[in-house]
Amino acid sequence: MLWLAFSAGGMLSALLVPVLLLLFGLAFPLGLLPAPDHAHLHALVRSPVTRLVLLALTVLALFHAAHRLRYTVRDGLQLKRLERLVDALCYGGAVAGSALAAYLLATIS
């Protein structure tokens, strides 16, 4: 199940994050596409389905990144002696980021 979450996070991150960055980072600010108004985006984000999708994308992406970073630090930098600390920092950061995302999505009014 953990491997499934890792691969799902990588796939969703690779497919959805670049599109969101392209739209909200370039196309809308540069006027290449008409930007949605604030009321429309607010109504979209208030939907429970949208909140669940955003939370799933965030959680899976954070745990995918934590897993990759863990093995990069452990094997790439040869810091196997600090394995427990690296694990705690990587996965703890993913848990903290997931909790923050859940809190922020839950408090949108």
PDB file of N, CA and C in Angstrom:
ATOM      1  N   MET A   1       0.816  -1.201   0.000  1.00  0.00           N
ATOM      2  CA  MET A   1       0.000   0.000   0.000  1.00  0.00           C
ATOM      3  C   MET A   1       0.863   1.269   0.000  1.00  0.00           C
ATOM      4  N   LEU A   2       2.008   1.210   0.701  1.00  0.00           N
ATOM      5  CA  LEU A   2       2.881   2.386   0.715  1.00  0.00           C
ATOM      6  C   LEU A   2       3.459   2.657  -0.668  1.00  0.00           C
ATOM      7  N   TRP A   3       3.811   1.597  -1.380  1.00  0.00           N
ATOM      8  CA  TRP A   3       4.362   1.777  -2.721  1.00  0.00           C
ATOM      9  C   TRP A   3       3.299   2.368  -3.652  1.00  0.00           C
ATOM     10  N   LEU A   4       2.054   1.960  -3.470  1.00  0.00           N
ATOM     11  CA  LEU A   4       0.959   2.503  -4.268  1.00  0.00           C
ATOM     12  C   LEU A   4       0.796   3.999  -4.022  1.00  0.00           C
ATOM     13  N   ALA A   5       0.889   4.418  -2.755  1.00  0.00           N
ATOM     14  CA  ALA A   5       0.787   5.843  -2.438  1.00  0.00           C
ATOM     15  C   ALA A   5       1.957   6.619  -3.034  1.00  0.00           C
ATOM     16  N   PHE A   6       3.158   6.033  -2.995  1.00  0.00           N
ATOM     17  CA  PHE A   6       4.330   6.683  -3.573  1.00  0.00           C
ATOM     18  C   PHE A   6       4.160   6.875  -5.077  1.00  0.00           C
ATOM     19  N   SER A   7       3.756   5.823  -5.769  1.00  0.00           N
ATOM     20  CA  SER A   7       3.618   5.933  -7.222  1.00  0.00           C
ATOM     21  C   SER A   7       2.441   6.826  -7.606  1.00  0.00           C
ATOM     22  N   ALA A   8       1.354   6.781  -6.845  1.00  0.00           N
ATOM     23  CA  ALA A   8       0.213   7.658  -7.136  1.00  0.00           C
ATOM     24  C   ALA A   8       0.602   9.119  -6.938  1.00  0.00           C
ATOM     25  N   GLY A   9       1.374   9.395  -5.902  1.00  0.00           N
ATOM     26  CA  GLY A   9       1.825  10.765  -5.677  1.00  0.00           C
ATOM     27  C   GLY A   9       2.707  11.266  -6.801  1.00  0.00           C
ATOM     28  N   GLY A  10       3.587  10.410  -7.285  1.00  0.00           N
ATOM     29  CA  GLY A  10       4.444  10.800  -8.403  1.00  0.00           C
ATOM     30  C   GLY A  10       3.665  11.036  -9.675  1.00  0.00           C
ATOM     31  N   MET A  11       2.702  10.160  -9.949  1.00  0.00           N
ATOM     32  CA  MET A  11       1.919  10.301 -11.171  1.00  0.00           C
ATOM     33  C   MET A  11       1.035  11.549 -11.119  1.00  0.00           C
ATOM     34  N   LEU A  12       0.334  11.742 -10.010  1.00  0.00           N
ATOM     35  CA  LEU A  12      -0.529  12.928  -9.898  1.00  0.00           C
ATOM     36  C   LEU A  12       0.283  14.218  -9.920  1.00  0.00           C
ATOM     37  N   SER A  13       1.427  14.199  -9.260  1.00  0.00           N
ATOM     38  CA  SER A  13       2.279  15.386  -9.272  1.00  0.00           C
ATOM     39  C   SER A  13       2.768  15.687 -10.676  1.00  0.00           C
ATOM     40  N   ALA A  14       3.152  14.657 -11.399  1.00  0.00           N
ATOM     41  CA  ALA A  14       3.673  14.856 -12.749  1.00  0.00           C
ATOM     42  C   ALA A  14       2.599  15.312 -13.729  1.00  0.00           C
ATOM     43  N   LEU A  15       1.368  14.883 -13.511  1.00  0.00           N
ATOM     44  CA  LEU A  15       0.305  15.230 -14.452  1.00  0.00           C
ATOM     45  C   LEU A  15      -0.433  16.526 -14.108  1.00  0.00           C
ATOM     46  N   LEU A  16      -0.716  16.753 -12.848  1.00  0.00           N
ATOM     47  CA  LEU A  16      -1.585  17.873 -12.483  1.00  0.00           C
ATOM     48  C   LEU A  16      -0.851  19.137 -12.065  1.00  0.00           C
ATOM     49  N   VAL A  17       0.249  19.004 -11.344  1.00  0.00           N
ATOM     50  CA  VAL A  17       0.944  20.198 -10.851  1.00  0.00           C
ATOM     51  C   VAL A  17       1.471  21.077 -11.997  1.00  0.00           C
ATOM     52  N   PRO A  18       2.085  20.526 -13.047  1.00  0.00           N
ATOM     53  CA  PRO A  18       2.526  21.410 -14.139  1.00  0.00           C
ATOM     54  C   PRO A  18       1.376  22.166 -14.806  1.00  0.00           C
ATOM     55  N   VAL A  19       0.227  21.524 -14.931  1.00  0.00           N
ATOM     56  CA  VAL A  19      -0.926  22.203 -15.537  1.00  0.00           C
ATOM     57  C   VAL A  19      -1.389  23.353 -14.651  1.00  0.00           C
ATOM     58  N   LEU A  20      -1.482  23.097 -13.350  1.00  0.00           N
ATOM     59  CA  LEU A  20      -1.895  24.157 -12.430  1.00  0.00           C
ATOM     60  C   LEU A  20      -0.892  25.303 -12.410  1.00  0.00           C
ATOM     61  N   LEU A  21       0.390  24.966 -12.430  1.00  0.00           N
ATOM     62  CA  LEU A  21       1.412  26.016 -12.467  1.00  0.00           C
ATOM     63  C   LEU A  21       1.366  26.807 -13.767  1.00  0.00           C
ATOM     64  N   LEU A  22       1.149  26.122 -14.866  1.00  0.00           N
ATOM     65  CA  LEU A  22       1.064  26.810 -16.150  1.00  0.00           C
ATOM     66  C   LEU A  22      -0.130  27.765 -16.177  1.00  0.00           C
ATOM     67  N   LEU A  23      -1.272  27.288 -15.703  1.00  0.00           N
ATOM     68  CA  LEU A  23      -2.467  28.133 -15.712  1.00  0.00           C
ATOM     69  C   LEU A  23      -2.344  29.306 -14.750  1.00  0.00           C
ATOM     70  N   PHE A  24      -2.081  29.004 -13.465  1.00  0.00           N
ATOM     71  CA  PHE A  24      -2.111  30.052 -12.450  1.00  0.00           C
ATOM     72  C   PHE A  24      -0.798  30.810 -12.329  1.00  0.00           C
ATOM     73  N   GLY A  25       0.281  30.292 -12.893  1.00  0.00           N
ATOM     74  CA  GLY A  25       1.563  30.977 -12.823  1.00  0.00           C
ATOM     75  C   GLY A  25       1.906  31.769 -14.068  1.00  0.00           C
ATOM     76  N   LEU A  26       1.383  31.338 -15.224  1.00  0.00           N
ATOM     77  CA  LEU A  26       1.725  32.029 -16.469  1.00  0.00           C
ATOM     78  C   LEU A  26       0.513  32.490 -17.277  1.00  0.00           C
ATOM     79  N   ALA A  27      -0.364  31.554 -17.621  1.00  0.00           N
ATOM     80  CA  ALA A  27      -1.442  31.870 -18.568  1.00  0.00           C
ATOM     81  C   ALA A  27      -2.402  32.945 -18.041  1.00  0.00           C
ATOM     82  N   PHE A  28      -2.853  32.824 -16.819  1.00  0.00           N
ATOM     83  CA  PHE A  28      -3.776  33.822 -16.272  1.00  0.00           C
ATOM     84  C   PHE A  28      -3.084  35.159 -15.992  1.00  0.00           C
ATOM     85  N   PRO A  29      -1.926  35.168 -15.311  1.00  0.00           N
ATOM     86  CA  PRO A  29      -1.286  36.466 -15.042  1.00  0.00           C
ATOM     87  C   PRO A  29      -0.845  37.210 -16.296  1.00  0.00           C
ATOM     88  N   LEU A  30      -0.430  36.490 -17.323  1.00  0.00           N
ATOM     89  CA  LEU A  30       0.029  37.149 -18.548  1.00  0.00           C
ATOM     90  C   LEU A  30      -1.108  37.482 -19.499  1.00  0.00           C
ATOM     91  N   GLY A  31      -2.316  37.085 -19.169  1.00  0.00           N
ATOM     92  CA  GLY A  31      -3.466  37.396 -20.007  1.00  0.00           C
ATOM     93  C   GLY A  31      -3.599  36.497 -21.217  1.00  0.00           C
ATOM     94  N   LEU A  32      -2.903  35.378 -21.239  1.00  0.00           N
ATOM     95  CA  LEU A  32      -3.014  34.449 -22.362  1.00  0.00           C
ATOM     96  C   LEU A  32      -4.372  33.755 -22.382  1.00  0.00           C
ATOM     97  N   LEU A  33      -4.928  33.558 -21.225  1.00  0.00           N
ATOM     98  CA  LEU A  33      -6.275  32.996 -21.067  1.00  0.00           C
ATOM     99  C   LEU A  33      -7.058  33.902 -20.126  1.00  0.00           C
ATOM    100  N   PRO A  34      -8.356  33.983 -20.318  1.00  0.00           N
ATOM    101  CA  PRO A  34      -9.141  34.809 -19.388  1.00  0.00           C
ATOM    102  C   PRO A  34      -9.150  34.168 -17.995  1.00  0.00           C
ATOM    103  N   ALA A  35      -8.788  34.939 -17.015  1.00  0.00           N
ATOM    104  CA  ALA A  35      -8.714  34.432 -15.642  1.00  0.00           C
ATOM    105  C   ALA A  35     -10.105  34.315 -15.048  1.00  0.00           C
ATOM    106  N   PRO A  36     -10.355  33.237 -14.305  1.00  0.00           N
ATOM    107  CA  PRO A  36     -11.648  33.144 -13.617  1.00  0.00           C
ATOM    108  C   PRO A  36     -11.714  34.183 -12.502  1.00  0.00           C
ATOM    109  N   ASP A  37     -12.902  34.687 -12.250  1.00  0.00           N
ATOM    110  CA  ASP A  37     -13.024  35.694 -11.202  1.00  0.00           C
ATOM    111  C   ASP A  37     -12.969  35.046  -9.817  1.00  0.00           C
ATOM    112  N   HIS A  38     -12.783  35.887  -8.826  1.00  0.00           N
ATOM    113  CA  HIS A  38     -12.610  35.417  -7.456  1.00  0.00           C
ATOM    114  C   HIS A  38     -13.826  34.637  -6.965  1.00  0.00           C
ATOM    115  N   ALA A  39     -15.002  35.103  -7.279  1.00  0.00           N
ATOM    116  CA  ALA A  39     -16.229  34.446  -6.818  1.00  0.00           C
ATOM    117  C   ALA A  39     -16.331  33.025  -7.372  1.00  0.00           C
ATOM    118  N   HIS A  40     -15.945  32.851  -8.630  1.00  0.00           N
ATOM    119  CA  HIS A  40     -16.003  31.523  -9.249  1.00  0.00           C
ATOM    120  C   HIS A  40     -15.000  30.575  -8.583  1.00  0.00           C
ATOM    121  N   LEU A  41     -13.766  31.024  -8.391  1.00  0.00           N
ATOM    122  CA  LEU A  41     -12.762  30.179  -7.740  1.00  0.00           C
ATOM    123  C   LEU A  41     -13.134  29.872  -6.298  1.00  0.00           C
ATOM    124  N   HIS A  42     -13.688  30.856  -5.610  1.00  0.00           N
ATOM    125  CA  HIS A  42     -14.100  30.648  -4.222  1.00  0.00           C
ATOM    126  C   HIS A  42     -15.212  29.598  -4.148  1.00  0.00           C
ATOM    127  N   ALA A  43     -16.168  29.685  -5.041  1.00  0.00           N
ATOM    128  CA  ALA A  43     -17.252  28.697  -5.075  1.00  0.00           C
ATOM    129  C   ALA A  43     -16.707  27.306  -5.411  1.00  0.00           C
ATOM    130  N   LEU A  44     -15.734  27.247  -6.301  1.00  0.00           N
ATOM    131  CA  LEU A  44     -15.135  25.967  -6.670  1.00  0.00           C
ATOM    132  C   LEU A  44     -14.397  25.334  -5.492  1.00  0.00           C
ATOM    133  N   VAL A  45     -13.629  26.128  -4.771  1.00  0.00           N
ATOM    134  CA  VAL A  45     -12.845  25.608  -3.649  1.00  0.00           C
ATOM    135  C   VAL A  45     -13.730  25.271  -2.452  1.00  0.00           C
ATOM    136  N   ARG A  46     -14.892  25.867  -2.354  1.00  0.00           N
ATOM    137  CA  ARG A  46     -15.803  25.550  -1.244  1.00  0.00           C
ATOM    138  C   ARG A  46     -16.465  24.199  -1.430  1.00  0.00           C
ATOM    139  N   SER A  47     -16.427  23.642  -2.617  1.00  0.00           N
ATOM    140  CA  SER A  47     -17.031  22.335  -2.866  1.00  0.00           C
ATOM    141  C   SER A  47     -16.250  21.249  -2.123  1.00  0.00           C
ATOM    142  N   PRO A  48     -16.937  20.347  -1.430  1.00  0.00           N
ATOM    143  CA  PRO A  48     -16.242  19.276  -0.712  1.00  0.00           C
ATOM    144  C   PRO A  48     -15.430  18.358  -1.632  1.00  0.00           C
ATOM    145  N   VAL A  49     -15.914  18.144  -2.838  1.00  0.00           N
ATOM    146  CA  VAL A  49     -15.181  17.286  -3.774  1.00  0.00           C
ATOM    147  C   VAL A  49     -13.860  17.942  -4.166  1.00  0.00           C
ATOM    148  N   THR A  50     -13.886  19.235  -4.442  1.00  0.00           N
ATOM    149  CA  THR A  50     -12.661  19.951  -4.786  1.00  0.00           C
ATOM    150  C   THR A  50     -11.683  19.937  -3.622  1.00  0.00           C
ATOM    151  N   ARG A  51     -12.182  20.112  -2.421  1.00  0.00           N
ATOM    152  CA  ARG A  51     -11.315  20.082  -1.245  1.00  0.00           C
ATOM    153  C   ARG A  51     -10.648  18.725  -1.087  1.00  0.00           C
ATOM    154  N   LEU A  52     -11.408  17.653  -1.300  1.00  0.00           N
ATOM    155  CA  LEU A  52     -10.827  16.308  -1.200  1.00  0.00           C
ATOM    156  C   LEU A  52      -9.772  16.066  -2.270  1.00  0.00           C
ATOM    157  N   VAL A  53     -10.032  16.534  -3.484  1.00  0.00           N
ATOM    158  CA  VAL A  53      -9.066  16.365  -4.567  1.00  0.00           C
ATOM    159  C   VAL A  53      -7.787  17.149  -4.268  1.00  0.00           C
ATOM    160  N   LEU A  54      -7.935  18.386  -3.809  1.00  0.00           N
ATOM    161  CA  LEU A  54      -6.759  19.193  -3.467  1.00  0.00           C
ATOM    162  C   LEU A  54      -5.986  18.585  -2.302  1.00  0.00           C
ATOM    163  N   LEU A  55      -6.695  18.072  -1.315  1.00  0.00           N
ATOM    164  CA  LEU A  55      -6.027  17.429  -0.184  1.00  0.00           C
ATOM    165  C   LEU A  55      -5.303  16.163  -0.622  1.00  0.00           C
ATOM    166  N   ALA A  56      -5.948  15.345  -1.431  1.00  0.00           N
ATOM    167  CA  ALA A  56      -5.300  14.119  -1.922  1.00  0.00           C
ATOM    168  C   ALA A  56      -4.065  14.454  -2.742  1.00  0.00           C
ATOM    169  N   LEU A  57      -4.160  15.440  -3.620  1.00  0.00           N
ATOM    170  CA  LEU A  57      -3.013  15.839  -4.427  1.00  0.00           C
ATOM    171  C   LEU A  57      -1.871  16.324  -3.545  1.00  0.00           C
ATOM    172  N   THR A  58      -2.184  17.132  -2.551  1.00  0.00           N
ATOM    173  CA  THR A  58      -1.156  17.668  -1.658  1.00  0.00           C
ATOM    174  C   THR A  58      -0.502  16.572  -0.833  1.00  0.00           C
ATOM    175  N   VAL A  59      -1.308  15.718  -0.223  1.00  0.00           N
ATOM    176  CA  VAL A  59      -0.768  14.653   0.636  1.00  0.00           C
ATOM    177  C   VAL A  59       0.090  13.685  -0.174  1.00  0.00           C
ATOM    178  N   LEU A  60      -0.425  13.242  -1.313  1.00  0.00           N
ATOM    179  CA  LEU A  60       0.343  12.288  -2.116  1.00  0.00           C
ATOM    180  C   LEU A  60       1.632  12.909  -2.646  1.00  0.00           C
ATOM    181  N   ALA A  61       1.572  14.162  -3.063  1.00  0.00           N
ATOM    182  CA  ALA A  61       2.781  14.831  -3.559  1.00  0.00           C
ATOM    183  C   ALA A  61       3.815  15.005  -2.448  1.00  0.00           C
ATOM    184  N   LEU A  62       3.363  15.361  -1.243  1.00  0.00           N
ATOM    185  CA  LEU A  62       4.302  15.535  -0.129  1.00  0.00           C
ATOM    186  C   LEU A  62       4.966  14.219   0.263  1.00  0.00           C
ATOM    187  N   PHE A  63       4.210  13.136   0.315  1.00  0.00           N
ATOM    188  CA  PHE A  63       4.812  11.857   0.679  1.00  0.00           C
ATOM    189  C   PHE A  63       5.698  11.307  -0.429  1.00  0.00           C
ATOM    190  N   HIS A  64       5.354  11.583  -1.674  1.00  0.00           N
ATOM    191  CA  HIS A  64       6.231  11.199  -2.778  1.00  0.00           C
ATOM    192  C   HIS A  64       7.568  11.941  -2.671  1.00  0.00           C
ATOM    193  N   ALA A  65       7.488  13.238  -2.431  1.00  0.00           N
ATOM    194  CA  ALA A  65       8.704  14.045  -2.295  1.00  0.00           C
ATOM    195  C   ALA A  65       9.515  13.613  -1.078  1.00  0.00           C
ATOM    196  N   ALA A  66       8.852  13.294   0.023  1.00  0.00           N
ATOM    197  CA  ALA A  66       9.561  12.853   1.229  1.00  0.00           C
ATOM    198  C   ALA A  66      10.309  11.554   0.973  1.00  0.00           C
ATOM    199  N   HIS A  67       9.678  10.635   0.272  1.00  0.00           N
ATOM    200  CA  HIS A  67      10.321   9.354  -0.026  1.00  0.00           C
ATOM    201  C   HIS A  67      11.539   9.548  -0.930  1.00  0.00           C
ATOM    202  N   ARG A  68      11.380  10.363  -1.954  1.00  0.00           N
ATOM    203  CA  ARG A  68      12.510  10.633  -2.856  1.00  0.00           C
ATOM    204  C   ARG A  68      13.648  11.332  -2.126  1.00  0.00           C
ATOM    205  N   LEU A  69      13.318  12.319  -1.315  1.00  0.00           N
ATOM    206  CA  LEU A  69      14.336  13.053  -0.578  1.00  0.00           C
ATOM    207  C   LEU A  69      15.054  12.145   0.412  1.00  0.00           C
ATOM    208  N   ARG A  70      14.305  11.268   1.053  1.00  0.00           N
ATOM    209  CA  ARG A  70      14.904  10.327   2.011  1.00  0.00           C
ATOM    210  C   ARG A  70      15.979   9.487   1.345  1.00  0.00           C
ATOM    211  N   TYR A  71      15.667   8.898   0.200  1.00  0.00           N
ATOM    212  CA  TYR A  71      16.649   8.048  -0.461  1.00  0.00           C
ATOM    213  C   TYR A  71      17.770   8.850  -1.105  1.00  0.00           C
ATOM    214  N   THR A  72      17.501  10.066  -1.521  1.00  0.00           N
ATOM    215  CA  THR A  72      18.573  10.911  -2.051  1.00  0.00           C
ATOM    216  C   THR A  72      19.574  11.248  -0.965  1.00  0.00           C
ATOM    217  N   VAL A  73      19.084  11.621   0.197  1.00  0.00           N
ATOM    218  CA  VAL A  73      19.982  11.968   1.304  1.00  0.00           C
ATOM    219  C   VAL A  73      20.701  10.734   1.823  1.00  0.00           C
ATOM    220  N   ARG A  74      19.969   9.644   1.987  1.00  0.00           N
ATOM    221  CA  ARG A  74      20.552   8.434   2.565  1.00  0.00           C
ATOM    222  C   ARG A  74      21.572   7.784   1.632  1.00  0.00           C
ATOM    223  N   ASP A  75      21.192   7.569   0.383  1.00  0.00           N
ATOM    224  CA  ASP A  75      22.069   6.858  -0.547  1.00  0.00           C
ATOM    225  C   ASP A  75      22.951   7.806  -1.348  1.00  0.00           C
ATOM    226  N   GLY A  76      22.387   8.905  -1.811  1.00  0.00           N
ATOM    227  CA  GLY A  76      23.155   9.826  -2.640  1.00  0.00           C
ATOM    228  C   GLY A  76      24.226  10.564  -1.865  1.00  0.00           C
ATOM    229  N   LEU A  77      23.914  11.002  -0.664  1.00  0.00           N
ATOM    230  CA  LEU A  77      24.878  11.722   0.163  1.00  0.00           C
ATOM    231  C   LEU A  77      25.609  10.811   1.138  1.00  0.00           C
ATOM    232  N   GLN A  78      25.301   9.500   1.077  1.00  0.00           N
ATOM    233  CA  GLN A  78      25.957   8.499   1.927  1.00  0.00           C
ATOM    234  C   GLN A  78      25.800   8.817   3.418  1.00  0.00           C
ATOM    235  N   LEU A  79      24.604   9.161   3.830  1.00  0.00           N
ATOM    236  CA  LEU A  79      24.334   9.472   5.233  1.00  0.00           C
ATOM    237  C   LEU A  79      23.480   8.377   5.873  1.00  0.00           C
ATOM    238  N   LYS A  80      23.847   7.129   5.629  1.00  0.00           N
ATOM    239  CA  LYS A  80      23.080   6.012   6.177  1.00  0.00           C
ATOM    240  C   LYS A  80      23.123   5.988   7.698  1.00  0.00           C
ATOM    241  N   ARG A  81      24.171   6.546   8.278  1.00  0.00           N
ATOM    242  CA  ARG A  81      24.273   6.548   9.743  1.00  0.00           C
ATOM    243  C   ARG A  81      23.231   7.466  10.379  1.00  0.00           C
ATOM    244  N   LEU A  82      22.680   8.386   9.615  1.00  0.00           N
ATOM    245  CA  LEU A  82      21.647   9.302  10.112  1.00  0.00           C
ATOM    246  C   LEU A  82      20.262   8.907   9.611  1.00  0.00           C
ATOM    247  N   GLU A  83      20.084   7.629   9.328  1.00  0.00           N
ATOM    248  CA  GLU A  83      18.854   7.166   8.691  1.00  0.00           C
ATOM    249  C   GLU A  83      17.603   7.514   9.506  1.00  0.00           C
ATOM    250  N   ARG A  84      17.640   7.301  10.799  1.00  0.00           N
ATOM    251  CA  ARG A  84      16.455   7.588  11.623  1.00  0.00           C
ATOM    252  C   ARG A  84      16.125   9.077  11.638  1.00  0.00           C
ATOM    253  N   LEU A  85      17.134   9.921  11.711  1.00  0.00           N
ATOM    254  CA  LEU A  85      16.917  11.362  11.704  1.00  0.00           C
ATOM    255  C   LEU A  85      16.366  11.818  10.356  1.00  0.00           C
ATOM    256  N   VAL A  86      16.947  11.303   9.276  1.00  0.00           N
ATOM    257  CA  VAL A  86      16.496  11.662   7.931  1.00  0.00           C
ATOM    258  C   VAL A  86      15.050  11.204   7.722  1.00  0.00           C
ATOM    259  N   ASP A  87      14.734   9.980   8.160  1.00  0.00           N
ATOM    260  CA  ASP A  87      13.361   9.487   8.046  1.00  0.00           C
ATOM    261  C   ASP A  87      12.394  10.381   8.815  1.00  0.00           C
ATOM    262  N   ALA A  88      12.764  10.718  10.033  1.00  0.00           N
ATOM    263  CA  ALA A  88      11.895  11.555  10.858  1.00  0.00           C
ATOM    264  C   ALA A  88      11.681  12.932  10.225  1.00  0.00           C
ATOM    265  N   LEU A  89      12.747  13.521   9.699  1.00  0.00           N
ATOM    266  CA  LEU A  89      12.617  14.845   9.091  1.00  0.00           C
ATOM    267  C   LEU A  89      11.789  14.796   7.804  1.00  0.00           C
ATOM    268  N   CYS A  90      12.059  13.818   6.953  1.00  0.00           N
ATOM    269  CA  CYS A  90      11.345  13.737   5.680  1.00  0.00           C
ATOM    270  C   CYS A  90       9.869  13.425   5.875  1.00  0.00           C
ATOM    271  N   TYR A  91       9.597  12.343   6.563  1.00  0.00           N
ATOM    272  CA  TYR A  91       8.201  11.942   6.730  1.00  0.00           C
ATOM    273  C   TYR A  91       7.469  12.827   7.734  1.00  0.00           C
ATOM    274  N   GLY A  92       8.186  13.342   8.719  1.00  0.00           N
ATOM    275  CA  GLY A  92       7.574  14.292   9.641  1.00  0.00           C
ATOM    276  C   GLY A  92       7.172  15.567   8.928  1.00  0.00           C
ATOM    277  N   GLY A  93       8.013  16.035   8.019  1.00  0.00           N
ATOM    278  CA  GLY A  93       7.660  17.205   7.215  1.00  0.00           C
ATOM    279  C   GLY A  93       6.453  16.946   6.331  1.00  0.00           C
ATOM    280  N   ALA A  94       6.362  15.730   5.779  1.00  0.00           N
ATOM    281  CA  ALA A  94       5.204  15.379   4.952  1.00  0.00           C
ATOM    282  C   ALA A  94       3.929  15.325   5.790  1.00  0.00           C
ATOM    283  N   VAL A  95       4.027  14.783   7.002  1.00  0.00           N
ATOM    284  CA  VAL A  95       2.857  14.724   7.883  1.00  0.00           C
ATOM    285  C   VAL A  95       2.442  16.141   8.299  1.00  0.00           C
ATOM    286  N   ALA A  96       3.420  16.970   8.660  1.00  0.00           N
ATOM    287  CA  ALA A  96       3.115  18.342   9.065  1.00  0.00           C
ATOM    288  C   ALA A  96       2.501  19.137   7.908  1.00  0.00           C
ATOM    289  N   GLY A  97       3.056  18.989   6.721  1.00  0.00           N
ATOM    290  CA  GLY A  97       2.500  19.678   5.554  1.00  0.00           C
ATOM    291  C   GLY A  97       1.105  19.193   5.216  1.00  0.00           C
ATOM    292  N   SER A  98       0.866  17.896   5.370  1.00  0.00           N
ATOM    293  CA  SER A  98      -0.467  17.338   5.121  1.00  0.00           C
ATOM    294  C   SER A  98      -1.471  17.855   6.136  1.00  0.00           C
ATOM    295  N   ALA A  99      -1.061  17.918   7.395  1.00  0.00           N
ATOM    296  CA  ALA A  99      -1.951  18.433   8.433  1.00  0.00           C
ATOM    297  C   ALA A  99      -2.267  19.907   8.187  1.00  0.00           C
ATOM    298  N   LEU A 100      -1.266  20.675   7.791  1.00  0.00           N
ATOM    299  CA  LEU A 100      -1.491  22.092   7.483  1.00  0.00           C
ATOM    300  C   LEU A 100      -2.440  22.254   6.303  1.00  0.00           C
ATOM    301  N   ALA A 101      -2.248  21.445   5.265  1.00  0.00           N
ATOM    302  CA  ALA A 101      -3.145  21.512   4.105  1.00  0.00           C
ATOM    303  C   ALA A 101      -4.566  21.147   4.494  1.00  0.00           C
ATOM    304  N   ALA A 102      -4.719  20.102   5.310  1.00  0.00           N
ATOM    305  CA  ALA A 102      -6.062  19.704   5.759  1.00  0.00           C
ATOM    306  C   ALA A 102      -6.709  20.820   6.576  1.00  0.00           C
ATOM    307  N   TYR A 103      -5.943  21.438   7.448  1.00  0.00           N
ATOM    308  CA  TYR A 103      -6.467  22.537   8.263  1.00  0.00           C
ATOM    309  C   TYR A 103      -6.902  23.712   7.381  1.00  0.00           C
ATOM    310  N   LEU A 104      -6.041  24.095   6.453  1.00  0.00           N
ATOM    311  CA  LEU A 104      -6.365  25.241   5.585  1.00  0.00           C
ATOM    312  C   LEU A 104      -7.573  24.959   4.707  1.00  0.00           C
ATOM    313  N   LEU A 105      -7.655  23.749   4.177  1.00  0.00           N
ATOM    314  CA  LEU A 105      -8.818  23.411   3.340  1.00  0.00           C
ATOM    315  C   LEU A 105     -10.100  23.304   4.164  1.00  0.00           C
ATOM    316  N   ALA A 106      -9.974  22.887   5.414  1.00  0.00           N
ATOM    317  CA  ALA A 106     -11.157  22.766   6.273  1.00  0.00           C
ATOM    318  C   ALA A 106     -11.671  24.126   6.746  1.00  0.00           C
ATOM    319  N   THR A 107     -10.803  25.113   6.814  1.00  0.00           N
ATOM    320  CA  THR A 107     -11.216  26.416   7.352  1.00  0.00           C
ATOM    321  C   THR A 107     -11.599  27.417   6.277  1.00  0.00           C
ATOM    322  N   ILE A 108     -11.618  27.009   5.023  1.00  0.00           N
ATOM    323  CA  ILE A 108     -12.056  27.923   3.959  1.00  0.00           C
ATOM    324  C   ILE A 108     -13.545  28.174   4.136  1.00  0.00           C
ATOM    325  N   SER A 109     -13.880  29.431   4.214  1.00  0.00           N
ATOM    326  CA  SER A 109     -15.321  29.732   4.416  1.00  0.00           C
ATOM    327  C   SER A 109     -15.902  30.452   3.234  1.00  0.00           C
TER     328      SER A 109
END
